[in-house]
């Protein structure tokens, strides 16, 4: 039980650092990577909560959250690529 609490505190510290990167990121790509990492942390937190509570529904929610995070990363990456192409004159 105490291992889960220690790991939860560690995840909270990592999430706080990522939120600083999302707010201050020098480029949009840095913000996107930090947001993707935050999504991964959220999925890990849901898995921890599933272990703590003994309910499997949070595992399903975690899988859906990870899938949406992957789709979001792909869409934002394509958008940033198109914007860069417009700046270069292509």
N, C-alpha and C. Protein backbone atom coordinates (compact mmCIF):
# COMPACT_ATOMS: atom_id res chain seq x y z
N UNK A 1 0.83 -1.20 0.00
CA UNK A 1 0.00 0.00 0.00
C UNK A 1 0.87 1.25 0.00
N UNK A 2 1.91 1.27 0.81
CA UNK A 2 2.73 2.47 0.89
C UNK A 2 3.49 2.72 -0.42
N UNK A 3 3.77 1.65 -1.17
CA UNK A 3 4.45 1.82 -2.45
C UNK A 3 3.57 2.60 -3.42
N UNK A 4 2.26 2.32 -3.39
CA UNK A 4 1.35 3.05 -4.27
C UNK A 4 1.30 4.54 -3.91
N UNK A 5 1.35 4.85 -2.63
CA UNK A 5 1.32 6.24 -2.20
C UNK A 5 2.60 6.96 -2.62
N UNK A 6 3.73 6.30 -2.45
CA UNK A 6 5.01 6.90 -2.86
C UNK A 6 5.01 7.14 -4.35
N UNK A 7 4.55 6.18 -5.11
CA UNK A 7 4.52 6.33 -6.55
C UNK A 7 3.54 7.42 -6.97
N UNK A 8 2.42 7.55 -6.27
CA UNK A 8 1.45 8.61 -6.58
C UNK A 8 2.06 9.99 -6.34
N UNK A 9 2.82 10.14 -5.27
CA UNK A 9 3.49 11.42 -4.99
C UNK A 9 4.51 11.72 -6.08
N UNK A 10 5.24 10.70 -6.50
CA UNK A 10 6.21 10.87 -7.58
C UNK A 10 5.53 11.30 -8.87
N UNK A 11 4.38 10.69 -9.19
CA UNK A 11 3.63 11.08 -10.39
C UNK A 11 3.13 12.53 -10.29
N UNK A 12 2.72 12.94 -9.09
CA UNK A 12 2.24 14.31 -8.90
C UNK A 12 3.37 15.32 -9.13
N UNK A 13 4.57 15.00 -8.66
CA UNK A 13 5.70 15.89 -8.88
C UNK A 13 6.06 15.98 -10.36
N UNK A 14 6.03 14.86 -11.05
CA UNK A 14 6.30 14.86 -12.48
C UNK A 14 5.24 15.65 -13.25
N UNK A 15 3.99 15.51 -12.84
CA UNK A 15 2.91 16.25 -13.51
C UNK A 15 3.08 17.75 -13.30
N UNK A 16 3.52 18.16 -12.12
CA UNK A 16 3.74 19.59 -11.87
C UNK A 16 4.85 20.13 -12.75
N UNK A 17 5.92 19.35 -12.92
CA UNK A 17 7.00 19.78 -13.81
C UNK A 17 6.53 19.87 -15.26
N UNK A 18 5.69 18.94 -15.66
CA UNK A 18 5.18 18.97 -17.03
C UNK A 18 4.26 20.16 -17.26
N UNK A 19 3.48 20.54 -16.26
CA UNK A 19 2.61 21.69 -16.43
C UNK A 19 3.42 22.97 -16.59
N UNK A 20 4.58 23.04 -15.94
CA UNK A 20 5.46 24.19 -16.15
C UNK A 20 5.94 24.21 -17.59
N UNK A 21 6.29 23.04 -18.14
CA UNK A 21 6.76 22.97 -19.53
C UNK A 21 5.64 23.31 -20.50
N UNK A 22 4.42 22.89 -20.19
CA UNK A 22 3.29 23.23 -21.07
C UNK A 22 3.07 24.74 -21.06
N UNK A 23 3.23 25.37 -19.92
CA UNK A 23 3.00 26.81 -19.83
C UNK A 23 4.13 27.63 -20.45
N UNK A 24 5.38 27.19 -20.25
CA UNK A 24 6.52 27.99 -20.67
C UNK A 24 7.19 27.50 -21.95
N UNK A 25 6.77 26.36 -22.48
CA UNK A 25 7.46 25.75 -23.63
C UNK A 25 7.84 26.76 -24.69
N UNK A 26 9.09 26.74 -25.13
CA UNK A 26 9.50 27.74 -26.12
C UNK A 26 8.82 27.56 -27.48
N UNK A 27 8.49 26.34 -27.84
CA UNK A 27 7.83 26.11 -29.13
C UNK A 27 6.56 25.29 -28.91
N UNK A 28 5.74 25.26 -29.94
CA UNK A 28 4.51 24.48 -29.86
C UNK A 28 4.82 22.98 -29.79
N UNK A 29 5.90 22.57 -30.42
CA UNK A 29 6.27 21.16 -30.36
C UNK A 29 6.66 20.75 -28.95
N UNK A 30 7.35 21.62 -28.21
CA UNK A 30 7.69 21.33 -26.82
C UNK A 30 6.44 21.20 -25.96
N UNK A 31 5.47 22.08 -26.21
CA UNK A 31 4.21 22.00 -25.47
C UNK A 31 3.46 20.71 -25.80
N UNK A 32 3.52 20.30 -27.06
CA UNK A 32 2.84 19.07 -27.46
C UNK A 32 3.46 17.86 -26.79
N UNK A 33 4.78 17.81 -26.74
CA UNK A 33 5.46 16.68 -26.10
C UNK A 33 5.15 16.65 -24.61
N UNK A 34 5.13 17.81 -23.97
CA UNK A 34 4.81 17.85 -22.54
C UNK A 34 3.37 17.42 -22.29
N UNK A 35 2.46 17.82 -23.17
CA UNK A 35 1.07 17.39 -23.03
C UNK A 35 0.91 15.90 -23.24
N UNK A 36 1.66 15.34 -24.16
CA UNK A 36 1.62 13.90 -24.40
C UNK A 36 2.17 13.14 -23.19
N UNK A 37 3.24 13.66 -22.60
CA UNK A 37 3.79 13.03 -21.40
C UNK A 37 2.80 13.13 -20.24
N UNK A 38 2.09 14.24 -20.14
CA UNK A 38 1.08 14.38 -19.09
C UNK A 38 -0.05 13.38 -19.30
N UNK A 39 -0.41 13.15 -20.55
CA UNK A 39 -1.43 12.13 -20.85
C UNK A 39 -0.97 10.75 -20.41
N UNK A 40 0.29 10.45 -20.63
CA UNK A 40 0.84 9.17 -20.19
C UNK A 40 0.81 9.06 -18.67
N UNK A 41 1.13 10.15 -17.98
CA UNK A 41 1.07 10.14 -16.52
C UNK A 41 -0.36 9.94 -16.02
N UNK A 42 -1.32 10.53 -16.71
CA UNK A 42 -2.71 10.36 -16.31
C UNK A 42 -3.12 8.89 -16.47
N UNK A 43 -2.69 8.28 -17.55
CA UNK A 43 -2.99 6.86 -17.76
C UNK A 43 -2.36 6.00 -16.67
N UNK A 44 -1.13 6.32 -16.30
CA UNK A 44 -0.47 5.58 -15.23
C UNK A 44 -1.18 5.78 -13.90
N UNK A 45 -1.64 6.99 -13.64
CA UNK A 45 -2.37 7.27 -12.41
C UNK A 45 -3.68 6.49 -12.36
N UNK A 46 -4.36 6.37 -13.50
CA UNK A 46 -5.59 5.58 -13.52
C UNK A 46 -5.32 4.10 -13.28
N UNK A 47 -4.21 3.61 -13.79
CA UNK A 47 -3.84 2.21 -13.53
C UNK A 47 -3.54 2.02 -12.05
N UNK A 48 -2.83 2.97 -11.44
CA UNK A 48 -2.57 2.89 -10.00
C UNK A 48 -3.87 2.93 -9.20
N UNK A 49 -4.77 3.79 -9.60
CA UNK A 49 -6.05 3.86 -8.88
C UNK A 49 -6.84 2.57 -9.04
N UNK A 50 -6.73 1.95 -10.21
CA UNK A 50 -7.39 0.68 -10.43
C UNK A 50 -6.82 -0.40 -9.49
N UNK A 51 -5.50 -0.40 -9.33
CA UNK A 51 -4.89 -1.35 -8.41
C UNK A 51 -5.30 -1.06 -6.97
N UNK A 52 -5.35 0.22 -6.62
CA UNK A 52 -5.69 0.61 -5.26
C UNK A 52 -7.13 0.27 -4.91
N UNK A 53 -8.05 0.54 -5.85
CA UNK A 53 -9.47 0.33 -5.57
C UNK A 53 -9.94 -1.09 -5.87
N UNK A 54 -9.18 -1.82 -6.69
CA UNK A 54 -9.57 -3.18 -7.04
C UNK A 54 -10.65 -3.25 -8.10
N UNK A 55 -10.87 -2.17 -8.83
CA UNK A 55 -11.89 -2.13 -9.88
C UNK A 55 -11.21 -2.06 -11.24
N UNK A 56 -11.65 -2.92 -12.14
CA UNK A 56 -11.03 -3.02 -13.45
C UNK A 56 -11.51 -2.00 -14.46
N UNK A 57 -12.57 -1.26 -14.15
CA UNK A 57 -13.11 -0.31 -15.11
C UNK A 57 -12.11 0.80 -15.42
N UNK A 58 -11.26 1.12 -14.45
CA UNK A 58 -10.28 2.18 -14.67
C UNK A 58 -9.20 1.75 -15.65
N UNK A 59 -8.97 0.47 -15.78
CA UNK A 59 -8.04 -0.01 -16.81
C UNK A 59 -8.59 0.25 -18.20
N UNK A 60 -9.88 0.01 -18.38
CA UNK A 60 -10.52 0.29 -19.66
C UNK A 60 -10.47 1.78 -19.99
N UNK A 61 -10.75 2.59 -19.00
CA UNK A 61 -10.70 4.03 -19.20
C UNK A 61 -9.28 4.47 -19.54
N UNK A 62 -8.30 3.86 -18.91
CA UNK A 62 -6.91 4.19 -19.18
C UNK A 62 -6.52 3.85 -20.62
N UNK A 63 -7.01 2.73 -21.13
CA UNK A 63 -6.72 2.34 -22.51
C UNK A 63 -7.34 3.34 -23.48
N UNK A 64 -8.57 3.75 -23.22
CA UNK A 64 -9.24 4.74 -24.08
C UNK A 64 -8.50 6.08 -24.02
N UNK A 65 -8.08 6.48 -22.83
CA UNK A 65 -7.34 7.74 -22.68
C UNK A 65 -6.02 7.68 -23.45
N UNK A 66 -5.34 6.56 -23.40
CA UNK A 66 -4.08 6.42 -24.14
C UNK A 66 -4.33 6.47 -25.65
N UNK A 67 -5.41 5.86 -26.11
CA UNK A 67 -5.73 5.89 -27.54
C UNK A 67 -6.04 7.31 -27.99
N UNK A 68 -6.82 8.05 -27.20
CA UNK A 68 -7.11 9.43 -27.55
C UNK A 68 -5.85 10.29 -27.52
N UNK A 69 -4.96 10.02 -26.58
CA UNK A 69 -3.70 10.75 -26.52
C UNK A 69 -2.86 10.52 -27.76
N UNK A 70 -2.83 9.28 -28.25
CA UNK A 70 -2.08 8.98 -29.47
C UNK A 70 -2.69 9.70 -30.67
N UNK A 71 -4.01 9.66 -30.78
CA UNK A 71 -4.68 10.34 -31.89
C UNK A 71 -4.45 11.84 -31.82
N UNK A 72 -4.52 12.40 -30.61
CA UNK A 72 -4.28 13.83 -30.43
C UNK A 72 -2.85 14.21 -30.85
N UNK A 73 -1.89 13.40 -30.48
CA UNK A 73 -0.50 13.67 -30.86
C UNK A 73 -0.33 13.64 -32.37
N UNK A 74 -0.95 12.68 -33.03
CA UNK A 74 -0.85 12.60 -34.48
C UNK A 74 -1.49 13.81 -35.15
N UNK A 75 -2.66 14.23 -34.68
CA UNK A 75 -3.35 15.37 -35.29
C UNK A 75 -2.59 16.67 -35.09
N UNK A 76 -2.09 16.90 -33.88
CA UNK A 76 -1.34 18.13 -33.62
C UNK A 76 -0.03 18.13 -34.40
N UNK A 77 0.61 16.98 -34.51
CA UNK A 77 1.84 16.88 -35.30
C UNK A 77 1.61 17.21 -36.76
N UNK A 78 0.52 16.71 -37.32
CA UNK A 78 0.19 17.04 -38.71
C UNK A 78 -0.10 18.52 -38.88
N UNK A 79 -0.82 19.09 -37.92
CA UNK A 79 -1.12 20.52 -37.98
C UNK A 79 0.15 21.35 -37.94
N UNK A 80 1.06 21.00 -37.03
CA UNK A 80 2.32 21.75 -36.92
C UNK A 80 3.16 21.59 -38.18
N UNK A 81 3.12 20.41 -38.78
CA UNK A 81 3.87 20.19 -40.02
C UNK A 81 3.31 21.05 -41.15
N UNK A 82 1.99 21.15 -41.25
CA UNK A 82 1.39 21.98 -42.29
C UNK A 82 1.70 23.45 -42.07
N UNK A 83 1.66 23.89 -40.82
CA UNK A 83 1.98 25.29 -40.51
C UNK A 83 3.43 25.61 -40.85
N UNK A 84 4.33 24.68 -40.59
CA UNK A 84 5.73 24.89 -40.93
C UNK A 84 5.92 24.97 -42.43
N UNK A 85 5.16 24.15 -43.16
CA UNK A 85 5.24 24.18 -44.61
C UNK A 85 4.75 25.50 -45.19
N UNK A 86 3.73 26.10 -44.56
CA UNK A 86 3.22 27.40 -45.01
C UNK A 86 4.27 28.50 -44.78
N UNK A 87 5.01 28.41 -43.65
CA UNK A 87 6.03 29.41 -43.37
C UNK A 87 7.19 29.32 -44.35
N UNK A 88 7.52 28.09 -44.77
CA UNK A 88 8.64 27.88 -45.69
C UNK A 88 8.28 28.23 -47.11
N UNK A 89 7.01 28.44 -47.39
CA UNK A 89 6.57 28.79 -48.73
C UNK A 89 6.23 27.61 -49.60
N UNK A 90 6.09 26.45 -49.03
CA UNK A 90 5.72 25.23 -49.79
C UNK A 90 4.24 25.02 -49.82
